[in-house]
Amino acid sequence: MSKKQQVSRRQFLNYTLTGVGGFMAAGMLAPMVRMAVDPVLQPKKEGEFIKVGDVSEYSTTPTRVNFKLEQEDAWYTSEVSKTAWVYKNDEGDIVALSPICKHLGCVVNWEGGEGHENQFYCPCHGGLYEKNGNNVPGTPPLAPLDTYKTKIKDGSLYLGEAVPNTEV
């Protein structure tokens, strides 16, 4: 014969409070877990390309190009100004370089002055870059200028995000 096990009042309250506490803890932790995991589950967006002009406007001499893009930060959308140095290389391909120096983030200029012809020059600490964006050894920058992703469509140049220059 089976014996019925009696649950005391104390055990019943203990089980009930443990169950209710577990549900409350799960209810509080679920949003936190969702917030931590959700960004990982979101699909990565393709970089947005912005039209900056016609390909025919550019030559072998770097030209400063200013453009604006919309940036979304949580619920706030703002317009951000960006700059690129754009030119055609010896093969006729478009090259777009970021003007941000890799030393301390100053803005580089093309042909910064005497002794810096055909080079990008950073006036903050005397950094030099070759025309292709490679840093000149012996100057403060330790990495080449970033390059913008480029796309040509119907004779127009579109710039995407800046990525580290790996063609050193």
Protein backbone atom coordinates (compact mmCIF):
# COMPACT_ATOMS: atom_id res chain seq x y z
CA MET A 1 0.00 0.00 0.00
CA SER A 2 1.15 3.48 -0.73
CA LYS A 3 1.40 5.90 2.04
CA LYS A 4 0.27 9.46 1.38
CA GLN A 5 2.91 11.97 2.26
CA GLN A 6 1.51 14.90 4.08
CA VAL A 7 2.86 18.38 3.31
CA SER A 8 3.09 20.51 6.35
CA ARG A 9 1.92 24.07 6.37
CA ARG A 10 5.55 25.24 6.65
CA GLN A 11 6.65 23.19 3.60
CA PHE A 12 3.66 24.43 1.57
CA LEU A 13 4.51 28.09 2.31
CA ASN A 14 8.18 27.42 1.60
CA TYR A 15 7.39 25.88 -1.83
CA THR A 16 4.91 28.63 -2.68
CA LEU A 17 7.24 31.49 -1.75
CA THR A 18 10.15 29.87 -3.63
CA GLY A 19 7.98 29.49 -6.75
CA VAL A 20 6.66 33.05 -6.59
CA GLY A 21 10.19 34.39 -5.97
CA GLY A 22 11.49 32.41 -8.96
CA PHE A 23 8.80 33.84 -11.24
CA MET A 24 9.54 37.38 -10.01
CA ALA A 25 13.29 36.93 -10.58
CA ALA A 26 12.66 35.53 -14.07
CA GLY A 27 10.39 38.48 -14.82
CA MET A 28 13.11 40.94 -13.81
CA LEU A 29 15.97 39.13 -15.55
CA ALA A 30 14.21 38.45 -18.88
CA PRO A 31 14.35 42.10 -20.11
CA MET A 32 18.00 42.40 -19.06
CA VAL A 33 18.94 39.23 -20.92
CA ARG A 34 16.98 40.40 -23.96
CA MET A 35 18.74 43.78 -23.89
CA ALA A 36 22.16 42.09 -23.73
CA VAL A 37 21.46 39.51 -26.45
CA ASP A 38 19.34 41.56 -28.87
CA PRO A 39 22.16 43.56 -30.54
CA VAL A 40 23.96 40.32 -31.35
CA LEU A 41 20.85 38.92 -33.04
CA GLN A 42 20.19 42.00 -35.21
CA PRO A 43 21.25 41.64 -38.86
CA LYS A 44 24.30 43.72 -39.73
CA LYS A 45 23.39 46.64 -41.97
CA GLU A 46 25.15 47.12 -45.28
CA GLY A 47 27.14 50.33 -45.30
CA GLU A 48 25.27 53.26 -46.72
CA PHE A 49 26.77 54.95 -49.78
CA ILE A 50 26.48 58.72 -50.26
CA LYS A 51 26.70 60.40 -53.68
CA VAL A 52 29.57 62.90 -53.68
CA GLY A 53 29.85 63.91 -57.35
CA ASP A 54 30.64 62.82 -60.89
CA VAL A 55 33.69 60.66 -61.58
CA SER A 56 34.74 63.09 -64.34
CA GLU A 57 35.35 65.82 -61.70
CA TYR A 58 38.36 64.01 -60.27
CA SER A 59 41.94 63.91 -61.59
CA THR A 60 45.24 62.53 -60.35
CA THR A 61 45.52 65.42 -57.87
CA PRO A 62 43.68 64.78 -54.58
CA THR A 63 40.58 66.92 -54.19
CA ARG A 64 38.92 67.64 -50.86
CA VAL A 65 35.30 66.46 -50.89
CA ASN A 66 32.81 67.41 -48.17
CA PHE A 67 29.62 65.39 -47.77
CA LYS A 68 26.89 64.85 -45.19
CA LEU A 69 25.17 61.73 -43.98
CA GLU A 70 22.40 60.93 -41.54
CA GLN A 71 23.48 59.24 -38.32
CA GLU A 72 21.02 57.46 -36.07
CA ASP A 73 21.86 57.13 -32.40
CA ALA A 74 19.09 55.22 -30.60
CA TRP A 75 16.05 57.44 -31.19
CA TYR A 76 17.99 60.58 -32.21
CA THR A 77 18.84 61.22 -35.87
CA SER A 78 21.42 63.87 -36.76
CA GLU A 79 23.31 65.06 -39.82
CA VAL A 80 27.08 64.51 -39.74
CA SER A 81 29.63 66.29 -41.95
CA LYS A 82 32.44 64.15 -43.37
CA THR A 83 35.45 64.86 -45.58
CA ALA A 84 37.50 62.75 -47.99
CA TRP A 85 40.50 63.26 -50.24
CA VAL A 86 39.52 61.82 -53.65
CA TYR A 87 41.75 61.25 -56.69
CA LYS A 88 42.38 58.85 -59.57
CA ASN A 89 45.41 56.57 -59.25
CA ASP A 90 47.75 55.63 -62.13
CA GLU A 91 45.36 52.85 -63.25
CA GLY A 92 42.46 55.33 -63.40
CA ASP A 93 40.69 53.89 -60.34
CA ILE A 94 39.11 56.22 -57.80
CA VAL A 95 40.84 56.40 -54.40
CA ALA A 96 39.12 58.08 -51.44
CA LEU A 97 41.16 58.64 -48.29
CA SER A 98 40.04 59.75 -44.84
CA PRO A 99 41.70 63.02 -43.77
CA ILE A 100 42.00 61.87 -40.14
CA CYS A 101 45.63 61.41 -39.07
CA LYS A 102 46.30 58.05 -37.42
CA HIS A 103 48.61 59.65 -34.85
CA LEU A 104 46.26 61.85 -32.79
CA GLY A 105 43.25 62.43 -35.06
CA CYS A 106 44.16 65.80 -36.58
CA VAL A 107 43.11 66.64 -40.15
CA VAL A 108 45.73 66.16 -42.88
CA ASN A 109 46.11 68.45 -45.88
CA TRP A 110 47.40 67.76 -49.38
CA GLU A 111 50.79 69.38 -50.15
CA GLY A 112 51.23 70.84 -46.71
CA GLY A 113 54.04 73.16 -47.67
CA GLU A 114 57.68 73.38 -48.57
CA GLY A 115 59.37 70.01 -48.44
CA HIS A 116 56.05 68.17 -48.37
CA GLU A 117 55.13 68.32 -52.05
CA ASN A 118 53.00 65.40 -53.27
CA GLN A 119 52.36 64.27 -49.70
CA PHE A 120 49.63 64.63 -47.14
CA TYR A 121 50.84 66.68 -44.19
CA CYS A 122 49.50 66.73 -40.63
CA PRO A 123 50.20 70.17 -39.11
CA CYS A 124 49.73 69.00 -35.50
CA HIS A 125 52.93 66.98 -35.14
CA GLY A 126 54.51 66.96 -38.59
CA GLY A 127 53.05 63.65 -39.77
CA LEU A 128 53.52 62.75 -43.43
CA TYR A 129 51.65 60.37 -45.72
CA GLU A 130 52.38 59.37 -49.31
CA LYS A 131 49.75 60.06 -51.96
CA ASN A 132 48.38 56.50 -51.61
CA GLY A 133 47.81 57.09 -47.86
CA ASN A 134 50.81 55.13 -46.56
CA ASN A 135 52.55 56.74 -43.62
CA VAL A 136 56.12 57.96 -44.16
CA PRO A 137 58.58 56.11 -41.88
CA GLY A 138 60.20 58.30 -39.25
CA THR A 139 57.16 60.57 -38.82
CA PRO A 140 54.62 60.29 -35.97
CA PRO A 141 51.82 58.30 -37.70
CA LEU A 142 52.25 54.54 -37.28
CA ALA A 143 49.49 53.47 -39.67
CA PRO A 144 48.23 54.50 -43.13
CA LEU A 145 45.19 56.72 -43.65
CA ASP A 146 41.84 54.92 -43.74
CA THR A 147 40.17 54.50 -47.14
CA TYR A 148 36.52 54.99 -47.93
CA LYS A 149 34.63 52.24 -49.72
CA THR A 150 33.79 53.51 -53.20
CA LYS A 151 31.09 52.65 -55.69
CA ILE A 152 30.58 54.07 -59.17
CA LYS A 153 27.09 54.04 -60.62
CA ASP A 154 25.94 55.85 -63.76
CA GLY A 155 29.09 58.01 -63.81
CA SER A 156 28.59 59.16 -60.20
CA LEU A 157 30.89 58.47 -57.27
CA TYR A 158 29.43 57.12 -54.05
CA LEU A 159 31.39 56.86 -50.79
CA GLY A 160 30.69 54.35 -48.03
CA GLU A 161 32.25 53.84 -44.63
CA ALA A 162 35.95 54.38 -43.91
CA VAL A 163 37.93 51.17 -43.37
CA PRO A 164 41.57 50.66 -42.36
CA ASN A 165 43.94 50.74 -45.33
CA THR A 166 45.42 47.25 -45.76
CA GLU A 167 47.26 47.89 -49.05
CA VAL A 168 50.56 48.92 -47.51
